[in-house]
């Protein structure tokens, strides 16, 4: 089974609210989540890229979806979305 990756960009607009998100998200982390990279400012080599970037690895697309759509993470996601302009994708590996 191919691994999967969630990539999130976060243009933080409310730093205090984002700190609350970080605390809540930490509680939603499971052994299925492997954070590969967090970059406060990525080096843009093409196009427009704003804010912090997070890359996470999962055993499969199904595992990534199960974590992202879990009640625990969705409670955190609402805080993130209120404190930052975000983009998120799930990408299947090879």
N, C-alpha and C. Protein backbone atom coordinates (compact mmCIF):
# COMPACT_ATOMS: atom_id res chain seq x y z
N UNK A 1 0.85 -1.18 0.00
CA UNK A 1 0.00 0.00 0.00
C UNK A 1 0.89 1.25 0.00
N UNK A 2 0.55 2.22 -0.81
CA UNK A 2 1.34 3.45 -0.92
C UNK A 2 1.08 4.39 0.25
N UNK A 3 2.11 5.05 0.68
CA UNK A 3 1.98 6.06 1.73
C UNK A 3 1.19 7.24 1.17
N UNK A 4 0.76 8.12 2.07
CA UNK A 4 0.05 9.34 1.68
C UNK A 4 0.60 10.49 2.50
N UNK A 5 0.41 11.69 1.98
CA UNK A 5 0.94 12.88 2.62
C UNK A 5 -0.15 13.94 2.71
N UNK A 6 -0.20 14.62 3.84
CA UNK A 6 -1.04 15.81 3.97
C UNK A 6 -0.08 16.99 3.99
N UNK A 7 -0.35 17.97 3.14
CA UNK A 7 0.43 19.19 3.11
C UNK A 7 -0.52 20.34 3.41
N UNK A 8 -0.13 21.17 4.38
CA UNK A 8 -0.97 22.28 4.81
C UNK A 8 -0.14 23.56 4.74
N UNK A 9 -0.75 24.63 4.21
CA UNK A 9 -0.15 25.96 4.32
C UNK A 9 -1.03 26.75 5.28
N UNK A 10 -0.37 27.56 6.12
CA UNK A 10 -1.08 28.31 7.15
C UNK A 10 -0.54 29.74 7.19
N UNK A 11 -1.34 30.67 6.70
CA UNK A 11 -1.00 32.09 6.78
C UNK A 11 -1.66 32.60 8.05
N UNK A 12 -0.90 32.64 9.13
CA UNK A 12 -1.45 32.91 10.46
C UNK A 12 -1.87 34.37 10.59
N UNK A 13 -3.15 34.57 10.95
CA UNK A 13 -3.70 35.92 11.12
C UNK A 13 -3.96 36.24 12.59
N UNK A 14 -4.03 35.22 13.43
CA UNK A 14 -4.30 35.37 14.87
C UNK A 14 -3.31 34.49 15.64
N UNK A 15 -2.14 35.02 15.98
CA UNK A 15 -1.11 34.20 16.64
C UNK A 15 -1.58 33.57 17.95
N UNK A 16 -2.35 34.27 18.75
CA UNK A 16 -2.84 33.70 20.01
C UNK A 16 -3.82 32.56 19.75
N UNK A 17 -4.71 32.75 18.80
CA UNK A 17 -5.64 31.69 18.42
C UNK A 17 -4.91 30.49 17.85
N UNK A 18 -3.83 30.75 17.13
CA UNK A 18 -3.06 29.66 16.54
C UNK A 18 -2.34 28.85 17.62
N UNK A 19 -1.91 29.52 18.70
CA UNK A 19 -1.31 28.80 19.82
C UNK A 19 -2.33 27.83 20.43
N UNK A 20 -3.57 28.26 20.53
CA UNK A 20 -4.63 27.38 21.05
C UNK A 20 -4.84 26.19 20.11
N UNK A 21 -4.81 26.46 18.82
CA UNK A 21 -4.89 25.36 17.85
C UNK A 21 -3.76 24.36 18.07
N UNK A 22 -2.53 24.86 18.22
CA UNK A 22 -1.38 23.98 18.36
C UNK A 22 -1.54 23.06 19.57
N UNK A 23 -2.04 23.59 20.68
CA UNK A 23 -2.27 22.77 21.87
C UNK A 23 -3.32 21.69 21.60
N UNK A 24 -4.41 22.08 20.96
CA UNK A 24 -5.49 21.14 20.68
C UNK A 24 -5.05 20.10 19.65
N UNK A 25 -4.32 20.53 18.63
CA UNK A 25 -3.85 19.60 17.60
C UNK A 25 -2.88 18.59 18.19
N UNK A 26 -2.04 19.01 19.13
CA UNK A 26 -1.10 18.08 19.76
C UNK A 26 -1.85 16.92 20.41
N UNK A 27 -3.00 17.21 20.99
CA UNK A 27 -3.81 16.17 21.61
C UNK A 27 -4.46 15.24 20.60
N UNK A 28 -4.56 15.68 19.35
CA UNK A 28 -5.18 14.88 18.30
C UNK A 28 -4.17 14.04 17.54
N UNK A 29 -2.88 14.21 17.85
CA UNK A 29 -1.85 13.43 17.14
C UNK A 29 -1.92 11.98 17.58
N UNK A 30 -1.76 11.09 16.63
CA UNK A 30 -1.79 9.65 16.89
C UNK A 30 -0.50 9.04 16.34
N UNK A 31 -0.23 7.78 16.64
CA UNK A 31 0.96 7.15 16.07
C UNK A 31 0.94 7.08 14.54
N UNK A 32 -0.25 7.25 13.93
CA UNK A 32 -0.37 7.23 12.47
C UNK A 32 0.20 8.48 11.82
N UNK A 33 0.39 9.54 12.58
CA UNK A 33 0.84 10.82 12.03
C UNK A 33 2.34 10.95 12.20
N UNK A 34 3.04 11.13 11.08
CA UNK A 34 4.48 11.38 11.13
C UNK A 34 4.72 12.76 10.51
N UNK A 35 5.08 13.73 11.34
CA UNK A 35 5.34 15.08 10.83
C UNK A 35 6.74 15.06 10.23
N UNK A 36 6.81 15.31 8.92
CA UNK A 36 8.09 15.28 8.21
C UNK A 36 8.78 16.63 8.18
N UNK A 37 7.99 17.71 8.10
CA UNK A 37 8.58 19.05 7.99
C UNK A 37 7.60 20.11 8.44
N UNK A 38 8.15 21.13 9.08
CA UNK A 38 7.40 22.35 9.40
C UNK A 38 8.33 23.50 9.06
N UNK A 39 7.89 24.35 8.15
CA UNK A 39 8.72 25.49 7.73
C UNK A 39 7.93 26.77 7.93
N UNK A 40 8.36 27.63 8.86
CA UNK A 40 7.66 28.90 9.06
C UNK A 40 7.57 29.72 7.78
N UNK A 41 8.60 29.61 6.95
CA UNK A 41 8.59 30.31 5.66
C UNK A 41 9.35 29.44 4.67
N UNK A 42 8.65 28.86 3.73
CA UNK A 42 9.29 28.02 2.72
C UNK A 42 10.05 28.87 1.71
N UNK A 43 11.06 28.30 1.12
CA UNK A 43 11.77 28.98 0.04
C UNK A 43 10.97 28.77 -1.24
N UNK A 44 10.37 29.83 -1.72
CA UNK A 44 9.52 29.75 -2.91
C UNK A 44 10.41 29.74 -4.15
N UNK A 45 10.24 28.71 -4.96
CA UNK A 45 11.01 28.64 -6.20
C UNK A 45 10.14 28.83 -7.44
N UNK A 46 8.81 28.83 -7.21
CA UNK A 46 7.89 29.06 -8.33
C UNK A 46 6.53 29.42 -7.76
N UNK A 47 5.86 30.40 -8.36
CA UNK A 47 4.51 30.77 -7.96
C UNK A 47 4.46 31.53 -6.65
N UNK A 48 3.25 31.58 -6.08
CA UNK A 48 3.01 32.27 -4.82
C UNK A 48 2.81 31.24 -3.71
N UNK A 49 3.45 31.46 -2.59
CA UNK A 49 3.34 30.54 -1.45
C UNK A 49 3.37 31.41 -0.21
N UNK A 50 2.35 31.29 0.60
CA UNK A 50 2.24 32.18 1.74
C UNK A 50 2.17 31.38 3.03
N UNK A 51 2.92 31.83 4.03
CA UNK A 51 2.79 31.29 5.37
C UNK A 51 3.60 30.03 5.63
N UNK A 52 3.27 29.44 6.75
CA UNK A 52 3.92 28.22 7.23
C UNK A 52 3.46 27.01 6.43
N UNK A 53 4.35 26.06 6.24
CA UNK A 53 4.02 24.82 5.54
C UNK A 53 4.30 23.64 6.45
N UNK A 54 3.36 22.68 6.48
CA UNK A 54 3.51 21.47 7.27
C UNK A 54 3.32 20.28 6.33
N UNK A 55 4.21 19.28 6.44
CA UNK A 55 4.12 18.06 5.65
C UNK A 55 4.04 16.88 6.62
N UNK A 56 3.00 16.05 6.47
CA UNK A 56 2.81 14.88 7.33
C UNK A 56 2.69 13.64 6.48
N UNK A 57 3.19 12.52 7.00
CA UNK A 57 3.14 11.25 6.28
C UNK A 57 2.22 10.27 7.01
N UNK A 58 1.50 9.48 6.22
CA UNK A 58 0.57 8.47 6.74
C UNK A 58 0.80 7.17 5.97
N UNK A 59 0.35 6.08 6.53
CA UNK A 59 0.53 4.77 5.90
C UNK A 59 -0.30 4.61 4.62
N UNK A 60 -1.37 5.40 4.49
CA UNK A 60 -2.24 5.29 3.31
C UNK A 60 -3.14 6.52 3.23
N UNK A 61 -3.79 6.69 2.09
CA UNK A 61 -4.78 7.76 1.95
C UNK A 61 -5.89 7.57 2.97
N UNK A 62 -6.30 6.33 3.16
CA UNK A 62 -7.38 6.05 4.12
C UNK A 62 -6.97 6.47 5.53
N UNK A 63 -5.72 6.20 5.91
CA UNK A 63 -5.24 6.59 7.25
C UNK A 63 -5.18 8.11 7.38
N UNK A 64 -4.77 8.80 6.31
CA UNK A 64 -4.72 10.26 6.33
C UNK A 64 -6.12 10.84 6.50
N UNK A 65 -7.07 10.30 5.75
CA UNK A 65 -8.45 10.77 5.85
C UNK A 65 -9.04 10.47 7.22
N UNK A 66 -8.76 9.28 7.74
CA UNK A 66 -9.29 8.90 9.05
C UNK A 66 -8.80 9.87 10.13
N UNK A 67 -7.52 10.23 10.07
CA UNK A 67 -6.99 11.18 11.05
C UNK A 67 -7.59 12.57 10.83
N UNK A 68 -7.54 13.06 9.60
CA UNK A 68 -8.01 14.42 9.33
C UNK A 68 -9.48 14.60 9.70
N UNK A 69 -10.31 13.64 9.34
CA UNK A 69 -11.74 13.76 9.59
C UNK A 69 -12.17 13.26 10.97
N UNK A 70 -11.21 12.85 11.81
CA UNK A 70 -11.55 12.39 13.16
C UNK A 70 -12.14 13.55 13.97
N UNK A 71 -12.98 13.21 14.92
CA UNK A 71 -13.57 14.25 15.78
C UNK A 71 -12.49 15.05 16.49
N UNK A 72 -11.45 14.36 16.98
CA UNK A 72 -10.38 15.04 17.71
C UNK A 72 -9.68 16.07 16.83
N UNK A 73 -9.33 15.70 15.59
CA UNK A 73 -8.63 16.67 14.75
C UNK A 73 -9.57 17.74 14.22
N UNK A 74 -10.79 17.40 13.92
CA UNK A 74 -11.72 18.41 13.42
C UNK A 74 -11.97 19.51 14.44
N UNK A 75 -11.94 19.17 15.74
CA UNK A 75 -12.06 20.20 16.77
C UNK A 75 -10.86 21.16 16.68
N UNK A 76 -9.67 20.61 16.44
CA UNK A 76 -8.48 21.44 16.28
C UNK A 76 -8.53 22.22 14.97
N UNK A 77 -8.96 21.58 13.90
CA UNK A 77 -9.00 22.23 12.59
C UNK A 77 -9.84 23.49 12.60
N UNK A 78 -10.93 23.47 13.33
CA UNK A 78 -11.78 24.67 13.42
C UNK A 78 -11.01 25.84 14.03
N UNK A 79 -10.18 25.55 15.03
CA UNK A 79 -9.36 26.60 15.63
C UNK A 79 -8.32 27.11 14.64
N UNK A 80 -7.70 26.19 13.88
CA UNK A 80 -6.71 26.58 12.87
C UNK A 80 -7.34 27.47 11.82
N UNK A 81 -8.50 27.06 11.35
CA UNK A 81 -9.18 27.80 10.28
C UNK A 81 -9.61 29.19 10.76
N UNK A 82 -9.89 29.33 12.05
CA UNK A 82 -10.27 30.64 12.59
C UNK A 82 -9.04 31.54 12.78
N UNK A 83 -7.86 30.94 12.93
CA UNK A 83 -6.65 31.70 13.24
C UNK A 83 -5.71 31.87 12.05
N UNK A 84 -6.04 31.25 10.90
CA UNK A 84 -5.14 31.31 9.75
C UNK A 84 -5.91 31.06 8.47
N UNK A 85 -5.41 31.61 7.38
CA UNK A 85 -5.92 31.27 6.06
C UNK A 85 -5.15 30.03 5.64
N UNK A 86 -5.88 28.95 5.36
CA UNK A 86 -5.23 27.65 5.18
C UNK A 86 -5.58 27.01 3.85
N UNK A 87 -4.66 26.19 3.40
CA UNK A 87 -4.88 25.28 2.29
C UNK A 87 -4.38 23.92 2.77
N UNK A 88 -5.07 22.85 2.36
CA UNK A 88 -4.63 21.51 2.75
C UNK A 88 -4.97 20.54 1.63
N UNK A 89 -4.05 19.60 1.41
CA UNK A 89 -4.27 18.57 0.41
C UNK A 89 -3.80 17.22 0.95
N UNK A 90 -4.40 16.15 0.43
CA UNK A 90 -3.90 14.80 0.64
C UNK A 90 -3.35 14.34 -0.69
N UNK A 91 -2.10 13.87 -0.68
CA UNK A 91 -1.44 13.41 -1.91
C UNK A 91 -1.03 11.96 -1.71
N UNK A 92 -1.47 11.07 -2.62
CA UNK A 92 -1.02 9.67 -2.50
C UNK A 92 0.43 9.54 -2.98
N UNK A 93 1.18 8.67 -2.30
CA UNK A 93 2.55 8.39 -2.72
C UNK A 93 2.56 7.34 -3.83
N UNK A 94 3.74 6.98 -4.24
CA UNK A 94 3.91 5.97 -5.30
C UNK A 94 3.86 4.58 -4.71
